[in-house]
Amino acid sequence: MLAPMGIGAMRSESTIALTHFLGSSGSPAMNRLLFAAAVLISTVAASSAVANDYYVVTVHPITAKKGQRAVAMVSVQPKGMYHINTEYPVKLTIMAPASVTVEKANQTKDDAKAFNSRELDFEVAFVSNAYGASSFSGDLRFGVITDTDSRPSAEKVSFTFETK
């Protein structure tokens, strides 16, 4: 079982482990190159999902073109007997780099693309005005419940995309 943690936290732990693994073997230039590759790999791997016994939070992959609208999807899928608590005040807050314009940085249940007992989906629509890699971060608040259990949840979400 994975402990409830944000996607960004998973990346930090992966980066720490990879830093320890690389250690002091090889030349400094090679270590820097390997570390950069390891961080990129851990970012790509870690930015896709966070899971525990109650739900899975996924940020679906995206591609972006400079000056054109792109959309990332942040989704919550309950697991087992749990379902989305449709009475809980859900909220997604996104922080973007200065070179990116987000259509709606603060979203609630009324903004969700899907909000029912089986799923919670938010679209993060944006326009990137610079080439290269950009990273988003944010906070997602929601709840999952069963007939006998209630789990309010707060997750850190993050994702990186490349603008071409």
N, C-alpha and C. Protein backbone atom coordinates (compact mmCIF):
# COMPACT_ATOMS: atom_id res chain seq x y z
N MET A 1 0.84 -1.17 0.00
CA MET A 1 0.00 0.00 0.00
C MET A 1 0.88 1.23 0.00
N LEU A 2 0.60 2.17 -0.88
CA LEU A 2 1.30 3.44 -0.90
C LEU A 2 0.63 4.38 0.08
N ALA A 3 1.41 5.11 0.85
CA ALA A 3 0.84 6.12 1.73
C ALA A 3 0.29 7.25 0.90
N PRO A 4 -0.80 7.88 1.36
CA PRO A 4 -1.32 9.02 0.60
C PRO A 4 -0.28 10.12 0.51
N MET A 5 0.10 10.47 -0.69
CA MET A 5 1.07 11.56 -0.89
C MET A 5 0.84 12.15 -2.26
N GLY A 6 1.29 13.34 -2.43
CA GLY A 6 1.13 14.02 -3.71
C GLY A 6 2.11 13.50 -4.73
N ILE A 7 1.81 13.77 -5.95
CA ILE A 7 2.67 13.34 -7.05
C ILE A 7 4.04 13.97 -6.92
N GLY A 8 4.11 15.23 -6.53
CA GLY A 8 5.38 15.90 -6.36
C GLY A 8 6.23 15.25 -5.29
N ALA A 9 5.58 14.78 -4.21
CA ALA A 9 6.32 14.11 -3.14
C ALA A 9 6.93 12.82 -3.65
N MET A 10 6.22 12.08 -4.51
CA MET A 10 6.77 10.85 -5.07
C MET A 10 8.02 11.17 -5.88
N ARG A 11 7.99 12.25 -6.65
CA ARG A 11 9.14 12.61 -7.46
C ARG A 11 10.32 12.95 -6.56
N SER A 12 10.10 13.64 -5.47
CA SER A 12 11.18 14.01 -4.58
C SER A 12 11.86 12.78 -4.01
N GLU A 13 11.06 11.79 -3.57
CA GLU A 13 11.64 10.58 -3.03
C GLU A 13 12.43 9.83 -4.11
N SER A 14 11.91 9.79 -5.33
CA SER A 14 12.63 9.13 -6.42
C SER A 14 13.94 9.84 -6.70
N THR A 15 13.91 11.16 -6.70
CA THR A 15 15.12 11.93 -6.96
C THR A 15 16.16 11.70 -5.88
N ILE A 16 15.71 11.66 -4.62
CA ILE A 16 16.64 11.41 -3.52
C ILE A 16 17.27 10.03 -3.68
N ALA A 17 16.45 9.02 -3.98
CA ALA A 17 16.98 7.67 -4.15
C ALA A 17 17.96 7.61 -5.31
N LEU A 18 17.65 8.28 -6.42
CA LEU A 18 18.54 8.26 -7.56
C LEU A 18 19.84 9.01 -7.26
N THR A 19 19.75 10.08 -6.49
CA THR A 19 20.96 10.80 -6.09
C THR A 19 21.87 9.90 -5.27
N HIS A 20 21.27 9.16 -4.33
CA HIS A 20 22.05 8.25 -3.50
C HIS A 20 22.66 7.14 -4.35
N PHE A 21 21.89 6.61 -5.31
CA PHE A 21 22.36 5.54 -6.18
C PHE A 21 23.56 6.00 -7.00
N LEU A 22 23.50 7.21 -7.55
CA LEU A 22 24.59 7.70 -8.38
C LEU A 22 25.85 7.94 -7.57
N GLY A 23 25.68 8.39 -6.34
CA GLY A 23 26.79 8.56 -5.42
C GLY A 23 27.97 9.28 -6.03
N SER A 24 29.15 8.78 -5.75
CA SER A 24 30.37 9.44 -6.22
C SER A 24 31.11 8.61 -7.26
N SER A 25 30.44 7.63 -7.87
CA SER A 25 31.11 6.81 -8.88
C SER A 25 31.19 7.58 -10.19
N GLY A 26 32.26 7.41 -10.92
CA GLY A 26 32.41 8.05 -12.22
C GLY A 26 32.86 9.49 -12.10
N SER A 27 33.03 10.11 -13.27
CA SER A 27 33.49 11.49 -13.31
C SER A 27 32.36 12.44 -12.91
N PRO A 28 32.69 13.64 -12.44
CA PRO A 28 31.65 14.61 -12.08
C PRO A 28 30.73 14.95 -13.26
N ALA A 29 31.32 15.08 -14.46
CA ALA A 29 30.49 15.40 -15.63
C ALA A 29 29.51 14.26 -15.93
N MET A 30 29.98 13.03 -15.83
CA MET A 30 29.11 11.87 -16.08
C MET A 30 28.02 11.79 -15.01
N ASN A 31 28.39 12.04 -13.75
CA ASN A 31 27.39 12.01 -12.68
C ASN A 31 26.31 13.06 -12.92
N ARG A 32 26.70 14.27 -13.36
CA ARG A 32 25.71 15.31 -13.63
C ARG A 32 24.79 14.88 -14.77
N LEU A 33 25.35 14.29 -15.81
CA LEU A 33 24.56 13.83 -16.94
C LEU A 33 23.60 12.72 -16.51
N LEU A 34 24.11 11.73 -15.77
CA LEU A 34 23.27 10.64 -15.29
C LEU A 34 22.18 11.16 -14.34
N PHE A 35 22.54 12.10 -13.47
CA PHE A 35 21.56 12.66 -12.54
C PHE A 35 20.45 13.39 -13.30
N ALA A 36 20.82 14.18 -14.31
CA ALA A 36 19.81 14.89 -15.10
C ALA A 36 18.88 13.91 -15.79
N ALA A 37 19.44 12.83 -16.35
CA ALA A 37 18.61 11.82 -17.00
C ALA A 37 17.71 11.12 -15.99
N ALA A 38 18.24 10.84 -14.80
CA ALA A 38 17.46 10.18 -13.76
C ALA A 38 16.32 11.06 -13.29
N VAL A 39 16.57 12.35 -13.12
CA VAL A 39 15.50 13.27 -12.71
C VAL A 39 14.42 13.33 -13.77
N LEU A 40 14.81 13.39 -15.04
CA LEU A 40 13.83 13.42 -16.13
C LEU A 40 13.00 12.15 -16.13
N ILE A 41 13.63 11.01 -15.99
CA ILE A 41 12.91 9.74 -15.98
C ILE A 41 12.00 9.67 -14.77
N SER A 42 12.47 10.07 -13.59
CA SER A 42 11.63 10.00 -12.39
C SER A 42 10.49 10.99 -12.49
N THR A 43 10.68 12.14 -13.12
CA THR A 43 9.60 13.11 -13.29
C THR A 43 8.53 12.54 -14.20
N VAL A 44 8.93 11.95 -15.31
CA VAL A 44 7.96 11.39 -16.24
C VAL A 44 7.21 10.24 -15.58
N ALA A 45 7.92 9.37 -14.88
CA ALA A 45 7.28 8.23 -14.25
C ALA A 45 6.38 8.67 -13.10
N ALA A 46 6.81 9.63 -12.30
CA ALA A 46 6.07 10.01 -11.12
C ALA A 46 4.93 10.95 -11.41
N SER A 47 4.94 11.64 -12.52
CA SER A 47 3.89 12.62 -12.76
C SER A 47 2.64 12.01 -13.35
N SER A 48 2.56 10.70 -13.45
CA SER A 48 1.38 10.10 -14.05
C SER A 48 0.31 9.72 -13.04
N ALA A 49 0.67 9.27 -11.83
CA ALA A 49 -0.38 8.83 -10.91
C ALA A 49 0.12 8.73 -9.48
N VAL A 50 -0.82 8.82 -8.57
CA VAL A 50 -0.60 8.53 -7.15
C VAL A 50 -1.77 7.65 -6.72
N ALA A 51 -1.48 6.64 -5.93
CA ALA A 51 -2.54 5.69 -5.57
C ALA A 51 -2.39 5.26 -4.12
N ASN A 52 -3.49 4.84 -3.55
CA ASN A 52 -3.52 4.20 -2.24
C ASN A 52 -4.68 3.21 -2.25
N ASP A 53 -5.13 2.76 -1.10
CA ASP A 53 -6.21 1.78 -1.05
C ASP A 53 -7.59 2.36 -1.36
N TYR A 54 -7.71 3.67 -1.42
CA TYR A 54 -9.01 4.32 -1.54
C TYR A 54 -9.28 4.94 -2.91
N TYR A 55 -8.21 5.40 -3.60
CA TYR A 55 -8.38 6.09 -4.87
C TYR A 55 -7.06 6.15 -5.63
N VAL A 56 -7.19 6.52 -6.92
CA VAL A 56 -6.03 6.78 -7.78
C VAL A 56 -6.22 8.17 -8.37
N VAL A 57 -5.19 9.03 -8.27
CA VAL A 57 -5.20 10.34 -8.92
C VAL A 57 -4.25 10.25 -10.10
N THR A 58 -4.74 10.63 -11.28
CA THR A 58 -3.94 10.54 -12.50
C THR A 58 -3.91 11.89 -13.20
N VAL A 59 -2.74 12.29 -13.69
CA VAL A 59 -2.63 13.43 -14.58
C VAL A 59 -2.30 12.85 -15.95
N HIS A 60 -3.24 13.00 -16.87
CA HIS A 60 -3.09 12.41 -18.19
C HIS A 60 -2.09 13.20 -19.02
N PRO A 61 -1.24 12.52 -19.78
CA PRO A 61 -0.18 13.18 -20.55
C PRO A 61 -0.73 14.13 -21.60
N ILE A 62 0.05 15.15 -21.88
CA ILE A 62 -0.36 16.16 -22.85
C ILE A 62 0.81 16.55 -23.74
N THR A 63 0.49 17.16 -24.85
CA THR A 63 1.49 17.82 -25.69
C THR A 63 1.01 19.25 -25.90
N ALA A 64 1.93 20.15 -26.08
CA ALA A 64 1.57 21.56 -26.26
C ALA A 64 2.36 22.15 -27.42
N LYS A 65 1.71 23.07 -28.12
CA LYS A 65 2.38 23.84 -29.17
C LYS A 65 2.32 25.30 -28.75
N LYS A 66 3.42 26.00 -28.97
CA LYS A 66 3.51 27.39 -28.56
C LYS A 66 2.35 28.20 -29.13
N GLY A 67 1.69 28.95 -28.23
CA GLY A 67 0.60 29.84 -28.63
C GLY A 67 -0.73 29.16 -28.90
N GLN A 68 -0.80 27.83 -28.72
CA GLN A 68 -2.05 27.11 -28.96
C GLN A 68 -2.60 26.52 -27.67
N ARG A 69 -3.89 26.42 -27.59
CA ARG A 69 -4.56 25.87 -26.41
C ARG A 69 -4.24 24.38 -26.26
N ALA A 70 -3.89 23.99 -25.05
CA ALA A 70 -3.65 22.59 -24.72
C ALA A 70 -4.44 22.28 -23.45
N VAL A 71 -4.73 21.01 -23.22
CA VAL A 71 -5.53 20.61 -22.07
C VAL A 71 -4.91 19.40 -21.39
N ALA A 72 -4.70 19.51 -20.09
CA ALA A 72 -4.30 18.37 -19.27
C ALA A 72 -5.52 17.94 -18.47
N MET A 73 -5.61 16.66 -18.15
CA MET A 73 -6.74 16.16 -17.39
C MET A 73 -6.24 15.62 -16.05
N VAL A 74 -6.83 16.10 -14.96
CA VAL A 74 -6.54 15.59 -13.62
C VAL A 74 -7.76 14.77 -13.22
N SER A 75 -7.56 13.47 -12.93
CA SER A 75 -8.67 12.56 -12.67
C SER A 75 -8.51 11.85 -11.34
N VAL A 76 -9.64 11.59 -10.69
CA VAL A 76 -9.69 10.77 -9.47
C VAL A 76 -10.62 9.60 -9.76
N GLN A 77 -10.13 8.40 -9.50
CA GLN A 77 -10.93 7.18 -9.63
C GLN A 77 -10.95 6.49 -8.28
N PRO A 78 -12.11 6.32 -7.66
CA PRO A 78 -12.17 5.59 -6.39
C PRO A 78 -11.88 4.11 -6.60
N LYS A 79 -11.44 3.44 -5.55
CA LYS A 79 -11.11 2.02 -5.62
C LYS A 79 -12.02 1.22 -4.70
N GLY A 80 -12.24 -0.03 -5.07
CA GLY A 80 -13.00 -0.94 -4.23
C GLY A 80 -14.41 -0.45 -3.97
N MET A 81 -14.79 -0.46 -2.70
CA MET A 81 -16.13 -0.04 -2.29
C MET A 81 -16.28 1.47 -2.18
N TYR A 82 -15.18 2.21 -2.36
CA TYR A 82 -15.24 3.67 -2.23
C TYR A 82 -15.83 4.32 -3.46
N HIS A 83 -16.44 5.48 -3.24
CA HIS A 83 -16.92 6.30 -4.34
C HIS A 83 -16.67 7.77 -4.01
N ILE A 84 -16.72 8.60 -5.03
CA ILE A 84 -16.50 10.03 -4.84
C ILE A 84 -17.63 10.59 -3.97
N ASN A 85 -17.26 11.39 -2.97
CA ASN A 85 -18.24 12.06 -2.13
C ASN A 85 -18.70 13.31 -2.87
N THR A 86 -19.88 13.27 -3.46
CA THR A 86 -20.38 14.38 -4.26
C THR A 86 -20.89 15.54 -3.40
N GLU A 87 -20.89 15.36 -2.08
CA GLU A 87 -21.27 16.45 -1.18
C GLU A 87 -20.05 17.16 -0.61
N TYR A 88 -18.87 16.64 -0.87
CA TYR A 88 -17.63 17.25 -0.38
C TYR A 88 -17.26 18.43 -1.30
N PRO A 89 -16.78 19.54 -0.74
CA PRO A 89 -16.43 20.71 -1.58
C PRO A 89 -15.11 20.51 -2.32
N VAL A 90 -15.17 19.88 -3.49
CA VAL A 90 -13.96 19.60 -4.26
C VAL A 90 -13.37 20.90 -4.80
N LYS A 91 -12.04 20.88 -4.94
CA LYS A 91 -11.35 22.07 -5.45
C LYS A 91 -10.01 21.66 -6.05
N LEU A 92 -9.69 22.26 -7.20
CA LEU A 92 -8.38 22.11 -7.83
C LEU A 92 -7.80 23.50 -7.99
N THR A 93 -6.60 23.70 -7.47
CA THR A 93 -5.87 24.96 -7.62
C THR A 93 -4.58 24.66 -8.34
N ILE A 94 -4.33 25.36 -9.45
CA ILE A 94 -3.14 25.13 -10.28
C ILE A 94 -2.25 26.36 -10.27
N MET A 95 -0.95 26.14 -10.08
CA MET A 95 0.05 27.19 -10.21
C MET A 95 0.88 26.87 -11.45
N ALA A 96 1.00 27.85 -12.34
CA ALA A 96 1.70 27.66 -13.61
C ALA A 96 2.87 28.63 -13.71
N PRO A 97 3.87 28.31 -14.54
CA PRO A 97 4.98 29.25 -14.75
C PRO A 97 4.49 30.52 -15.43
N ALA A 98 5.28 31.57 -15.35
CA ALA A 98 4.90 32.88 -15.90
C ALA A 98 4.66 32.83 -17.40
N SER A 99 5.31 31.90 -18.10
CA SER A 99 5.17 31.83 -19.57
C SER A 99 3.90 31.09 -20.01
N VAL A 100 3.08 30.69 -19.05
CA VAL A 100 1.87 29.92 -19.35
C VAL A 100 0.64 30.66 -18.81
N THR A 101 -0.39 30.73 -19.64
CA THR A 101 -1.67 31.32 -19.23
C THR A 101 -2.67 30.19 -19.03
N VAL A 102 -3.17 30.06 -17.81
CA VAL A 102 -4.16 29.03 -17.49
C VAL A 102 -5.55 29.66 -17.58
N GLU A 103 -6.47 28.98 -18.26
CA GLU A 103 -7.82 29.51 -18.41
C GLU A 103 -8.52 29.69 -17.08
N LYS A 104 -8.40 28.70 -16.18
CA LYS A 104 -9.04 28.79 -14.87
C LYS A 104 -8.16 28.06 -13.86
N ALA A 105 -7.43 28.83 -13.07
CA ALA A 105 -6.48 28.25 -12.12
C ALA A 105 -7.16 27.68 -10.88
N ASN A 106 -8.33 28.20 -10.51
CA ASN A 106 -9.07 27.70 -9.35
C ASN A 106 -10.40 27.13 -9.83
N GLN A 107 -10.57 25.81 -9.63
CA GLN A 107 -11.78 25.15 -10.10
C GLN A 107 -12.50 24.46 -8.94
N THR A 108 -13.82 24.39 -9.05
CA THR A 108 -14.66 23.71 -8.06
C THR A 108 -15.52 22.67 -8.78
N LYS A 109 -16.44 22.07 -8.05
CA LYS A 109 -17.29 21.02 -8.65
C LYS A 109 -18.04 21.51 -9.89
N ASP A 110 -18.41 22.78 -9.91
CA ASP A 110 -19.13 23.31 -11.07
C ASP A 110 -18.27 23.37 -12.33
N ASP A 111 -16.94 23.37 -12.16
CA ASP A 111 -16.02 23.43 -13.29
C ASP A 111 -15.56 22.04 -13.75
N ALA A 112 -15.84 21.02 -12.95
CA ALA A 112 -15.37 19.66 -13.26
C ALA A 112 -16.00 19.15 -14.54
N LYS A 113 -15.20 18.48 -15.34
CA LYS A 113 -15.72 17.86 -16.56
C LYS A 113 -16.61 16.68 -16.19
N ALA A 114 -16.24 15.94 -15.15
CA ALA A 114 -17.05 14.84 -14.62
C ALA A 114 -17.00 14.92 -13.10
N PHE A 115 -18.15 14.81 -12.48
CA PHE A 115 -18.22 14.83 -11.02
C PHE A 115 -19.43 14.00 -10.60
N ASN A 116 -19.16 12.73 -10.34
CA ASN A 116 -20.21 11.82 -9.91
C ASN A 116 -19.58 10.78 -8.98
N SER A 117 -20.33 9.81 -8.55
CA SER A 117 -19.82 8.85 -7.57
C SER A 117 -18.69 7.98 -8.11
N ARG A 118 -18.55 7.87 -9.43
CA ARG A 118 -17.53 7.00 -10.03
C ARG A 118 -16.26 7.72 -10.47
N GLU A 119 -16.34 9.05 -10.67
CA GLU A 119 -15.17 9.75 -11.19
C GLU A 119 -15.23 11.24 -10.89
N LEU A 120 -14.04 11.82 -10.86
CA LEU A 120 -13.88 13.27 -10.74
C LEU A 120 -12.80 13.66 -11.74
N ASP A 121 -13.15 14.49 -12.72
CA ASP A 121 -12.20 14.91 -13.76
C ASP A 121 -12.21 16.43 -13.86
N PHE A 122 -11.02 17.01 -13.83
CA PHE A 122 -10.85 18.43 -14.09
C PHE A 122 -9.99 18.60 -15.33
N GLU A 123 -10.39 19.50 -16.22
CA GLU A 123 -9.55 19.88 -17.35
C GLU A 123 -8.76 21.12 -16.96
N VAL A 124 -7.45 21.08 -17.24
CA VAL A 124 -6.60 22.24 -17.02
C VAL A 124 -6.21 22.75 -18.41
N ALA A 125 -6.93 23.77 -18.88
CA ALA A 125 -6.68 24.33 -20.21
C ALA A 125 -5.70 25.49 -20.07
N PHE A 126 -4.76 25.55 -21.01
CA PHE A 126 -3.72 26.58 -20.92
C PHE A 126 -3.13 26.86 -22.29
N VAL A 127 -2.40 27.98 -22.37
CA VAL A 127 -1.62 28.34 -23.55
C VAL A 127 -0.21 28.63 -23.08
N SER A 128 0.76 27.97 -23.70
CA SER A 128 2.16 28.21 -23.38
C SER A 128 2.74 29.19 -24.40
N ASN A 129 3.43 30.19 -23.91
CA ASN A 129 4.01 31.21 -24.78
C ASN A 129 5.53 31.09 -24.91
N ALA A 130 6.08 29.95 -24.50
CA ALA A 130 7.53 29.74 -24.59
C ALA A 130 7.80 28.28 -24.96
N TYR A 131 8.86 28.07 -25.72
CA TYR A 131 9.28 26.72 -26.06
C TYR A 131 10.00 26.09 -24.87
N GLY A 132 10.00 24.75 -24.84
CA GLY A 132 10.74 24.03 -23.81
C GLY A 132 9.83 23.44 -22.76
N ALA A 133 10.46 22.94 -21.70
CA ALA A 133 9.74 22.27 -20.61
C ALA A 133 9.17 23.28 -19.63
N SER A 134 7.96 23.00 -19.19
CA SER A 134 7.30 23.82 -18.17
C SER A 134 6.63 22.89 -17.17
N SER A 135 6.60 23.32 -15.92
CA SER A 135 6.01 22.49 -14.87
C SER A 135 4.87 23.22 -14.18
N PHE A 136 3.81 22.48 -13.92
CA PHE A 136 2.67 22.95 -13.16
C PHE A 136 2.72 22.27 -11.80
N SER A 137 2.15 22.91 -10.80
CA SER A 137 1.93 22.27 -9.51
C SER A 137 0.57 22.71 -9.03
N GLY A 138 0.06 22.03 -8.03
CA GLY A 138 -1.25 22.42 -7.54
C GLY A 138 -1.72 21.57 -6.39
N ASP A 139 -2.91 21.90 -5.93
CA ASP A 139 -3.55 21.19 -4.82
C ASP A 139 -4.91 20.70 -5.28
N LEU A 140 -5.21 19.46 -4.95
CA LEU A 140 -6.49 18.86 -5.28
C LEU A 140 -7.14 18.40 -3.98
N ARG A 141 -8.36 18.87 -3.74
CA ARG A 141 -9.11 18.49 -2.54
C ARG A 141 -10.41 17.81 -2.97
N PHE A 142 -10.68 16.67 -2.35
CA PHE A 142 -11.87 15.88 -2.67
C PHE A 142 -12.10 14.90 -1.54
N GLY A 143 -13.15 14.13 -1.62
CA GLY A 143 -13.41 13.11 -0.61
C GLY A 143 -13.91 11.84 -1.27
N VAL A 144 -13.58 10.71 -0.65
CA VAL A 144 -14.13 9.42 -1.06
C VAL A 144 -14.83 8.81 0.16
N ILE A 145 -15.89 8.05 -0.10
CA ILE A 145 -16.67 7.48 1.00
C ILE A 145 -17.16 6.08 0.65
N THR A 146 -17.54 5.35 1.71
CA THR A 146 -18.32 4.13 1.60
C THR A 146 -19.54 4.34 2.49
N ASP A 147 -20.33 3.31 2.69
CA ASP A 147 -21.48 3.44 3.60
C ASP A 147 -21.04 3.65 5.04
N THR A 148 -19.80 3.24 5.37
CA THR A 148 -19.35 3.32 6.76
C THR A 148 -18.07 4.12 6.97
N ASP A 149 -17.47 4.64 5.92
CA ASP A 149 -16.17 5.31 6.03
C ASP A 149 -16.15 6.57 5.16
N SER A 150 -15.50 7.60 5.66
CA SER A 150 -15.34 8.84 4.90
C SER A 150 -13.87 9.23 4.92
N ARG A 151 -13.32 9.55 3.76
CA ARG A 151 -11.91 9.90 3.62
C ARG A 151 -11.75 11.23 2.89
N PRO A 152 -11.76 12.37 3.62
CA PRO A 152 -11.41 13.64 2.96
C PRO A 152 -9.95 13.56 2.53
N SER A 153 -9.65 14.07 1.36
CA SER A 153 -8.30 13.93 0.81
C SER A 153 -7.78 15.23 0.25
N ALA A 154 -6.49 15.43 0.41
CA ALA A 154 -5.79 16.56 -0.20
C ALA A 154 -4.52 16.02 -0.82
N GLU A 155 -4.37 16.20 -2.12
CA GLU A 155 -3.20 15.70 -2.84
C GLU A 155 -2.49 16.85 -3.54
N LYS A 156 -1.18 16.77 -3.56
CA LYS A 156 -0.36 17.67 -4.37
C LYS A 156 -0.30 17.05 -5.76
N VAL A 157 -0.56 17.85 -6.77
CA VAL A 157 -0.43 17.36 -8.14
C VAL A 157 0.64 18.19 -8.84
N SER A 158 1.33 17.55 -9.75
CA SER A 158 2.32 18.25 -10.56
C SER A 158 2.48 17.51 -11.86
N PHE A 159 2.82 18.26 -12.89
CA PHE A 159 3.11 17.64 -14.18
C PHE A 159 3.99 18.58 -14.98
N THR A 160 4.75 17.99 -15.86
CA THR A 160 5.66 18.72 -16.73
C THR A 160 5.29 18.40 -18.16
N PHE A 161 5.35 19.40 -19.02
CA PHE A 161 5.07 19.18 -20.43
C PHE A 161 6.10 19.94 -21.26
N GLU A 162 6.23 19.54 -22.48
CA GLU A 162 7.16 20.14 -23.42
C GLU A 162 6.37 20.93 -24.46
N THR A 163 6.73 22.20 -24.64
CA THR A 163 6.09 23.01 -25.67
C THR A 163 6.99 23.02 -26.90
N LYS A 164 6.40 22.68 -28.02
CA LYS A 164 7.17 22.61 -29.28
C LYS A 164 6.73 23.69 -30.23
